Amino acid sequence: MTDFLQDLVDFFIAFKDGILYYFPGTGQPERVLEFLWGHLLITFVTMFFAIVISVPLGILITRVRSLYEPIIKLAAMLYTVPSLAMFGILIPFVGIGFTPTVIALTLYSLLAIIRNTAVGINGVDRAIIESARGMGMKNSQILLQVELPLALPVILAGIRIAIISTISLATLGSYFGADSLGNLIFEGISAGGTRNDKIAAGAIGATLLAIIFDYLISRIERSLPGIAQK
């Protein structure tokens, strides 16, 4: 865990220094860090709510089979709503800025995590579950001590997909008043094509964030007990 946090800190420092070195026109270091922090805050809060909502729903649809299709279809329908339309729907109810951005991105994250949670649990060998039941374990114990640990690699794969999608879409939040790396992109667009350095800085920054989080999650996967080392 210490190595993970150190990797994260090193990345933030290298990210800020790299953006300012290669794109000096992006502004003061404080602005770049503010946009980076805003982007990360959107991502972390979105994933917190997405996981809290999606994992229980994924478990539920493995227990109540009749709910599988309607819940998956609803999550898929939300995922297909165009991002600008989703923001437009939310703004009259929750205003602009951070809140509608998090709500929209949370809704987009549901499908991958719900589906992977269900797939992971359903993929657990029934013989293992029967063995646990034969040892006297209750259903709740089987879920927490057998099914979820064995399903964790598949669940983490869904979370990885959701995080990468969230990092990408978070740039649109800037258009609706939320601070993110999208601020640099929209500032560059507003300059009428004269500040392509800002557009590149925001786009490359978001891409690097997605890559580093993909790497960090793979590190977490390899560090968890019971998960095969790759």
Protein backbone atom coordinates (compact mmCIF):
# COMPACT_ATOMS: atom_id res chain seq x y z
CA MET A 1 0.00 0.00 0.00
CA THR A 2 2.92 2.31 0.80
CA ASP A 3 4.37 1.68 -2.67
CA PHE A 4 0.97 2.47 -4.21
CA LEU A 5 0.71 5.82 -2.41
CA GLN A 6 4.30 6.69 -3.30
CA ASP A 7 3.58 5.91 -6.96
CA LEU A 8 0.55 8.22 -6.78
CA VAL A 9 2.53 11.10 -5.24
CA ASP A 10 5.37 10.67 -7.73
CA PHE A 11 2.86 10.72 -10.57
CA PHE A 12 1.25 13.98 -9.41
CA ILE A 13 4.63 15.70 -9.21
CA ALA A 14 5.79 14.36 -12.59
CA PHE A 15 2.43 15.21 -14.18
CA LYS A 16 2.51 18.84 -13.07
CA ASP A 17 6.16 19.29 -14.04
CA GLY A 18 5.65 17.62 -17.42
CA ILE A 19 2.61 19.70 -18.34
CA LEU A 20 4.37 22.95 -17.43
CA TYR A 21 7.57 21.94 -19.25
CA TYR A 22 6.02 20.81 -22.53
CA PHE A 23 3.07 23.24 -22.48
CA PRO A 24 4.35 26.40 -20.75
CA GLY A 25 1.36 28.39 -21.99
CA THR A 26 -1.08 26.45 -19.81
CA GLY A 27 -0.61 28.90 -16.94
CA GLN A 28 0.69 28.89 -13.39
CA PRO A 29 1.51 25.62 -11.59
CA GLU A 30 -1.32 26.31 -9.13
CA ARG A 31 -3.88 26.32 -11.96
CA VAL A 32 -2.63 23.04 -13.40
CA LEU A 33 -2.72 21.43 -9.96
CA GLU A 34 -6.20 22.84 -9.34
CA PHE A 35 -7.50 21.29 -12.57
CA LEU A 36 -5.72 18.01 -11.83
CA TRP A 37 -7.14 17.89 -8.31
CA GLY A 38 -10.62 18.69 -9.62
CA HIS A 39 -10.34 15.88 -12.16
CA LEU A 40 -9.19 13.42 -9.51
CA LEU A 41 -11.90 14.51 -7.07
CA ILE A 42 -14.59 13.93 -9.70
CA THR A 43 -13.11 10.51 -10.44
CA PHE A 44 -12.79 9.40 -6.80
CA VAL A 45 -16.25 10.57 -5.73
CA THR A 46 -17.84 9.07 -8.84
CA MET A 47 -16.19 5.71 -8.29
CA PHE A 48 -17.13 5.68 -4.60
CA PHE A 49 -20.81 6.07 -5.39
CA ALA A 50 -20.63 3.77 -8.42
CA ILE A 51 -19.08 0.94 -6.38
CA VAL A 52 -21.43 1.43 -3.42
CA ILE A 53 -24.44 1.23 -5.76
CA SER A 54 -23.22 -1.31 -8.32
CA VAL A 55 -21.69 -4.09 -6.23
CA PRO A 56 -24.84 -4.64 -4.10
CA LEU A 57 -26.96 -4.55 -7.28
CA GLY A 58 -24.61 -7.06 -8.90
CA ILE A 59 -24.99 -9.34 -5.89
CA LEU A 60 -28.77 -8.86 -5.88
CA ILE A 61 -29.24 -9.96 -9.48
CA THR A 62 -27.33 -13.18 -8.80
CA ARG A 63 -29.77 -13.95 -5.99
CA VAL A 64 -33.00 -12.76 -7.60
CA ARG A 65 -32.67 -13.95 -11.18
CA SER A 66 -35.85 -12.21 -12.32
CA LEU A 67 -34.15 -8.84 -11.65
CA TYR A 68 -31.09 -9.58 -13.80
CA GLU A 69 -32.50 -8.55 -17.15
CA PRO A 70 -34.36 -5.37 -16.07
CA ILE A 71 -31.44 -4.03 -14.02
CA ILE A 72 -28.85 -4.75 -16.72
CA LYS A 73 -31.12 -3.24 -19.38
CA LEU A 74 -31.68 -0.11 -17.28
CA ALA A 75 -27.93 0.31 -16.70
CA ALA A 76 -27.29 -0.25 -20.41
CA MET A 77 -29.93 2.32 -21.34
CA LEU A 78 -28.32 4.91 -19.05
CA TYR A 79 -24.93 4.12 -20.57
CA THR A 80 -26.18 4.83 -24.09
CA VAL A 81 -27.55 8.30 -23.28
CA PRO A 82 -25.27 10.88 -25.00
CA SER A 83 -23.12 12.64 -22.42
CA LEU A 84 -24.20 16.17 -23.32
CA ALA A 85 -27.84 15.10 -23.16
CA MET A 86 -27.29 13.53 -19.74
CA PHE A 87 -25.84 16.76 -18.38
CA GLY A 88 -28.68 18.71 -19.97
CA ILE A 89 -31.24 16.50 -18.25
CA LEU A 90 -29.59 16.86 -14.84
CA ILE A 91 -28.89 20.60 -14.81
CA PRO A 92 -32.53 21.74 -14.23
CA PHE A 93 -32.66 19.51 -11.14
CA VAL A 94 -29.20 19.85 -9.55
CA GLY A 95 -27.69 22.93 -11.22
CA ILE A 96 -24.23 23.12 -12.77
CA GLY A 97 -20.77 22.24 -11.55
CA PHE A 98 -19.48 19.30 -9.54
CA THR A 99 -22.79 17.65 -8.57
CA PRO A 100 -24.30 16.98 -12.02
CA THR A 101 -20.90 15.84 -13.26
CA VAL A 102 -20.59 13.23 -10.51
CA ILE A 103 -24.20 12.06 -10.93
CA ALA A 104 -23.84 11.68 -14.70
CA LEU A 105 -20.53 9.83 -14.48
CA THR A 106 -21.86 7.58 -11.72
CA LEU A 107 -24.77 6.57 -13.95
CA TYR A 108 -22.35 5.81 -16.79
CA SER A 109 -20.23 3.64 -14.47
CA LEU A 110 -23.04 1.38 -13.27
CA LEU A 111 -23.17 -1.04 -16.20
CA ALA A 112 -19.56 -2.23 -16.15
CA ILE A 113 -19.44 -2.81 -12.40
CA ILE A 114 -22.91 -4.37 -12.03
CA ARG A 115 -22.32 -6.74 -14.93
CA ASN A 116 -18.82 -7.74 -13.85
CA THR A 117 -19.93 -8.28 -10.26
CA ALA A 118 -22.68 -10.63 -11.45
CA VAL A 119 -20.39 -12.39 -13.94
CA GLY A 120 -17.70 -12.85 -11.30
CA ILE A 121 -20.06 -14.31 -8.71
CA ASN A 122 -21.83 -16.54 -11.23
CA GLY A 123 -18.45 -17.79 -12.39
CA VAL A 124 -17.49 -19.19 -8.99
CA ASP A 125 -17.28 -22.98 -9.13
CA ARG A 126 -20.47 -24.44 -7.64
CA ALA A 127 -18.46 -27.28 -6.11
CA ILE A 128 -16.58 -24.75 -3.98
CA ILE A 129 -19.84 -23.20 -2.81
CA GLU A 130 -21.29 -26.62 -1.96
CA SER A 131 -18.13 -27.49 -0.05
CA ALA A 132 -18.45 -24.28 1.97
CA ARG A 133 -22.10 -25.03 2.64
CA GLY A 134 -21.16 -28.55 3.71
CA MET A 135 -18.76 -27.03 6.25
CA GLY A 136 -21.72 -25.27 7.86
CA MET A 137 -21.17 -21.79 6.45
CA LYS A 138 -24.22 -19.56 6.17
CA ASN A 139 -25.18 -17.86 2.91
CA SER A 140 -23.80 -14.52 4.11
CA GLN A 141 -20.52 -16.16 5.06
CA ILE A 142 -20.28 -17.90 1.71
CA LEU A 143 -20.85 -14.59 -0.06
CA LEU A 144 -18.28 -12.63 1.96
CA GLN A 145 -15.64 -15.32 2.45
CA VAL A 146 -15.92 -17.38 -0.72
CA GLU A 147 -17.83 -15.80 -3.61
CA LEU A 148 -16.69 -12.17 -3.42
CA PRO A 149 -12.98 -12.99 -2.92
CA LEU A 150 -13.04 -15.39 -5.88
CA ALA A 151 -15.02 -12.92 -7.99
CA LEU A 152 -12.76 -9.99 -7.08
CA PRO A 153 -10.53 -10.12 -10.20
CA VAL A 154 -13.60 -9.85 -12.46
CA ILE A 155 -15.10 -7.09 -10.30
CA LEU A 156 -11.83 -5.15 -10.42
CA ALA A 157 -11.82 -5.48 -14.21
CA GLY A 158 -15.22 -3.78 -14.27
CA ILE A 159 -14.00 -1.07 -11.92
CA ARG A 160 -10.97 -0.51 -14.15
CA ILE A 161 -13.22 -0.02 -17.19
CA ALA A 162 -15.42 2.38 -15.22
CA ILE A 163 -12.46 4.44 -13.97
CA ILE A 164 -10.99 4.86 -17.45
CA SER A 165 -14.38 5.89 -18.81
CA THR A 166 -14.89 8.32 -15.92
CA ILE A 167 -11.49 9.97 -16.41
CA SER A 168 -12.27 10.49 -20.08
CA LEU A 169 -15.80 11.85 -19.59
CA ALA A 170 -14.80 14.05 -16.63
CA THR A 171 -13.31 16.52 -19.11
CA LEU A 172 -16.86 17.36 -20.24
CA GLY A 173 -17.69 18.47 -16.70
CA SER A 174 -15.70 21.64 -17.33
CA TYR A 175 -18.24 22.70 -19.94
CA PHE A 176 -20.85 22.66 -17.18
CA GLY A 177 -18.86 24.43 -14.49
CA ALA A 178 -16.81 21.67 -12.84
CA ASP A 179 -13.04 22.06 -12.54
CA SER A 180 -11.09 19.37 -14.40
CA LEU A 181 -8.43 19.00 -17.06
CA GLY A 182 -11.23 19.80 -19.48
CA ASN A 183 -10.78 23.45 -18.47
CA LEU A 184 -7.54 23.49 -20.45
CA ILE A 185 -9.27 21.91 -23.45
CA PHE A 186 -12.18 24.35 -23.47
CA GLU A 187 -9.88 27.33 -22.89
CA GLY A 188 -7.93 26.26 -25.96
CA ILE A 189 -11.12 25.83 -28.02
CA SER A 190 -12.40 29.24 -26.89
CA ALA A 191 -9.18 30.82 -28.17
CA GLY A 192 -10.27 29.99 -31.72
CA GLY A 193 -7.50 27.55 -32.54
CA THR A 194 -4.66 29.79 -31.37
CA ARG A 195 -4.03 27.83 -28.16
CA ASN A 196 -3.72 24.25 -29.33
CA ASP A 197 -1.12 23.78 -26.61
CA LYS A 198 -3.88 23.99 -23.99
CA ILE A 199 -6.04 21.51 -25.88
CA ALA A 200 -3.11 19.11 -26.15
CA ALA A 201 -2.21 19.56 -22.47
CA GLY A 202 -5.74 18.74 -21.31
CA ALA A 203 -6.17 15.80 -23.69
CA ILE A 204 -2.75 14.30 -23.00
CA GLY A 205 -3.20 14.88 -19.28
CA ALA A 206 -6.50 12.98 -19.20
CA THR A 207 -4.97 10.17 -21.25
CA LEU A 208 -2.02 9.89 -18.88
CA LEU A 209 -4.39 9.79 -15.92
CA ALA A 210 -6.27 6.89 -17.50
CA ILE A 211 -3.02 5.03 -18.19
CA ILE A 212 -1.64 5.53 -14.68
CA PHE A 213 -4.87 4.45 -13.00
CA ASP A 214 -5.00 1.37 -15.20
CA TYR A 215 -1.47 0.58 -14.06
CA LEU A 216 -2.23 1.27 -10.39
CA ILE A 217 -5.30 -0.96 -10.40
CA SER A 218 -3.25 -3.75 -11.96
CA ARG A 219 -0.77 -3.28 -9.10
CA ILE A 220 -3.63 -3.59 -6.60
CA GLU A 221 -4.86 -6.76 -8.32
CA ARG A 222 -1.43 -8.36 -8.10
CA SER A 223 -1.07 -7.39 -4.43
CA LEU A 224 -4.34 -8.97 -3.31
CA PRO A 225 -4.04 -12.42 -1.69
CA GLY A 226 -5.65 -15.24 -3.60
CA ILE A 227 -5.25 -13.61 -7.00
CA ALA A 228 -2.94 -15.32 -9.42
CA GLN A 229 0.22 -13.45 -10.19
CA LYS A 230 0.63 -12.53 -13.83
